Amino acid sequence: MRPWREVDNMQRWLSIGICTVLGYLLGATLASAIVGQMTSYAHNMALESAVWAAFIGGPIGAVIFGLAMAWIIKRVEA
């Protein structure tokens, strides 16, 4: 068994994890900005933007970026 195979596997998962976190942050930021522009009342804007960012934009961005990184790694290693 190759000892570097475990290191390669950890690096692969770390890369996917980092891209997933960055995707969550990017999706949350975009959702917050978009909803903030669409909301007319200031007191509703903060809560509505936070909810959209945390529960909709963030998870969507995380899934997209995580799957994209997994696909890129698969293509590069093939």
C-alpha atoms as a PDB file:
ATOM      1  CA  MET A   1       0.000   0.000   0.000  1.00  0.00           C
ATOM      2  CA  ARG A   2       1.240   3.463  -0.835  1.00  0.00           C
ATOM      3  CA  PRO A   3       1.665   5.655   2.262  1.00  0.00           C
ATOM      4  CA  TRP A   4       1.126   8.881   0.296  1.00  0.00           C
ATOM      5  CA  ARG A   5      -2.332   7.759  -0.762  1.00  0.00           C
ATOM      6  CA  GLU A   6      -3.757   8.788   2.634  1.00  0.00           C
ATOM      7  CA  VAL A   7      -2.142  12.219   2.329  1.00  0.00           C
ATOM      8  CA  ASP A   8      -3.595  12.656  -1.156  1.00  0.00           C
ATOM      9  CA  ASN A   9      -7.032  11.704   0.145  1.00  0.00           C
ATOM     10  CA  MET A  10      -6.800  14.213   3.028  1.00  0.00           C
ATOM     11  CA  GLN A  11      -5.661  16.968   0.675  1.00  0.00           C
ATOM     12  CA  ARG A  12      -8.545  16.186  -1.659  1.00  0.00           C
ATOM     13  CA  TRP A  13     -11.123  16.444   1.139  1.00  0.00           C
ATOM     14  CA  LEU A  14      -9.468  19.567   2.526  1.00  0.00           C
ATOM     15  CA  SER A  15      -9.671  21.241  -0.892  1.00  0.00           C
ATOM     16  CA  ILE A  16     -13.344  20.324  -1.223  1.00  0.00           C
ATOM     17  CA  GLY A  17     -14.031  21.550   2.318  1.00  0.00           C
ATOM     18  CA  ILE A  18     -12.303  24.883   1.778  1.00  0.00           C
ATOM     19  CA  CYS A  19     -14.214  25.477  -1.458  1.00  0.00           C
ATOM     20  CA  THR A  20     -17.466  24.542   0.276  1.00  0.00           C
ATOM     21  CA  VAL A  21     -16.866  27.079   3.048  1.00  0.00           C
ATOM     22  CA  LEU A  22     -15.888  29.769   0.550  1.00  0.00           C
ATOM     23  CA  GLY A  23     -18.983  28.948  -1.494  1.00  0.00           C
ATOM     24  CA  TYR A  24     -21.148  29.321   1.602  1.00  0.00           C
ATOM     25  CA  LEU A  25     -19.629  32.706   2.372  1.00  0.00           C
ATOM     26  CA  LEU A  26     -19.972  33.920  -1.213  1.00  0.00           C
ATOM     27  CA  GLY A  27     -23.560  32.677  -1.514  1.00  0.00           C
ATOM     28  CA  ALA A  28     -24.515  34.247   1.810  1.00  0.00           C
ATOM     29  CA  THR A  29     -22.940  37.559   0.841  1.00  0.00           C
ATOM     30  CA  LEU A  30     -24.695  37.637  -2.521  1.00  0.00           C
ATOM     31  CA  ALA A  31     -28.054  36.675  -1.014  1.00  0.00           C
ATOM     32  CA  SER A  32     -27.713  39.350   1.649  1.00  0.00           C
ATOM     33  CA  ALA A  33     -26.827  42.008  -0.921  1.00  0.00           C
ATOM     34  CA  ILE A  34     -29.632  41.050  -3.297  1.00  0.00           C
ATOM     35  CA  VAL A  35     -32.297  40.883  -0.609  1.00  0.00           C
ATOM     36  CA  GLY A  36     -30.981  44.078   0.940  1.00  0.00           C
ATOM     37  CA  GLN A  37     -31.521  45.874  -2.356  1.00  0.00           C
ATOM     38  CA  MET A  38     -35.015  44.451  -2.774  1.00  0.00           C
ATOM     39  CA  THR A  39     -36.273  45.233   0.742  1.00  0.00           C
ATOM     40  CA  SER A  40     -37.757  48.680   1.216  1.00  0.00           C
ATOM     41  CA  TYR A  41     -37.924  48.988   5.013  1.00  0.00           C
ATOM     42  CA  ALA A  42     -34.707  49.236   7.005  1.00  0.00           C
ATOM     43  CA  HIS A  43     -35.981  47.304  10.024  1.00  0.00           C
ATOM     44  CA  ASN A  44     -37.048  44.378   7.844  1.00  0.00           C
ATOM     45  CA  MET A  45     -33.916  44.490   5.718  1.00  0.00           C
ATOM     46  CA  ALA A  46     -31.482  43.231   8.345  1.00  0.00           C
ATOM     47  CA  LEU A  47     -33.555  40.253   9.448  1.00  0.00           C
ATOM     48  CA  GLU A  48     -34.679  39.292   5.981  1.00  0.00           C
ATOM     49  CA  SER A  49     -31.164  39.548   4.560  1.00  0.00           C
ATOM     50  CA  ALA A  50     -29.733  37.473   7.392  1.00  0.00           C
ATOM     51  CA  VAL A  51     -32.325  34.726   6.980  1.00  0.00           C
ATOM     52  CA  TRP A  52     -31.848  34.552   3.236  1.00  0.00           C
ATOM     53  CA  ALA A  53     -28.078  34.570   3.615  1.00  0.00           C
ATOM     54  CA  ALA A  54     -27.918  31.892   6.301  1.00  0.00           C
ATOM     55  CA  PHE A  55     -30.560  29.475   5.081  1.00  0.00           C
ATOM     56  CA  ILE A  56     -30.817  29.920   1.319  1.00  0.00           C
ATOM     57  CA  GLY A  57     -27.866  31.682  -0.309  1.00  0.00           C
ATOM     58  CA  GLY A  58     -25.168  30.094   1.830  1.00  0.00           C
ATOM     59  CA  PRO A  59     -26.203  26.443   1.415  1.00  0.00           C
ATOM     60  CA  ILE A  60     -26.773  26.875  -2.319  1.00  0.00           C
ATOM     61  CA  GLY A  61     -23.316  28.408  -2.742  1.00  0.00           C
ATOM     62  CA  ALA A  62     -21.760  25.669  -0.611  1.00  0.00           C
ATOM     63  CA  VAL A  63     -23.313  22.891  -2.680  1.00  0.00           C
ATOM     64  CA  ILE A  64     -22.346  24.501  -5.979  1.00  0.00           C
ATOM     65  CA  PHE A  65     -18.743  25.219  -4.995  1.00  0.00           C
ATOM     66  CA  GLY A  66     -18.261  21.873  -3.220  1.00  0.00           C
ATOM     67  CA  LEU A  67     -19.546  19.872  -6.177  1.00  0.00           C
ATOM     68  CA  ALA A  68     -17.548  21.996  -8.603  1.00  0.00           C
ATOM     69  CA  MET A  69     -14.330  21.342  -6.679  1.00  0.00           C
ATOM     70  CA  ALA A  70     -15.065  17.613  -6.472  1.00  0.00           C
ATOM     71  CA  TRP A  71     -15.673  17.552 -10.241  1.00  0.00           C
ATOM     72  CA  ILE A  72     -12.455  19.473 -10.928  1.00  0.00           C
ATOM     73  CA  ILE A  73     -10.426  17.097  -8.752  1.00  0.00           C
ATOM     74  CA  LYS A  74     -11.998  14.096 -10.477  1.00  0.00           C
ATOM     75  CA  ARG A  75     -11.184  15.507 -13.914  1.00  0.00           C
ATOM     76  CA  VAL A  76      -7.603  16.372 -12.971  1.00  0.00           C
ATOM     77  CA  GLU A  77      -6.887  12.959 -11.452  1.00  0.00           C
ATOM     78  CA  ALA A  78      -8.424  11.006 -14.333  1.00  0.00           C
END
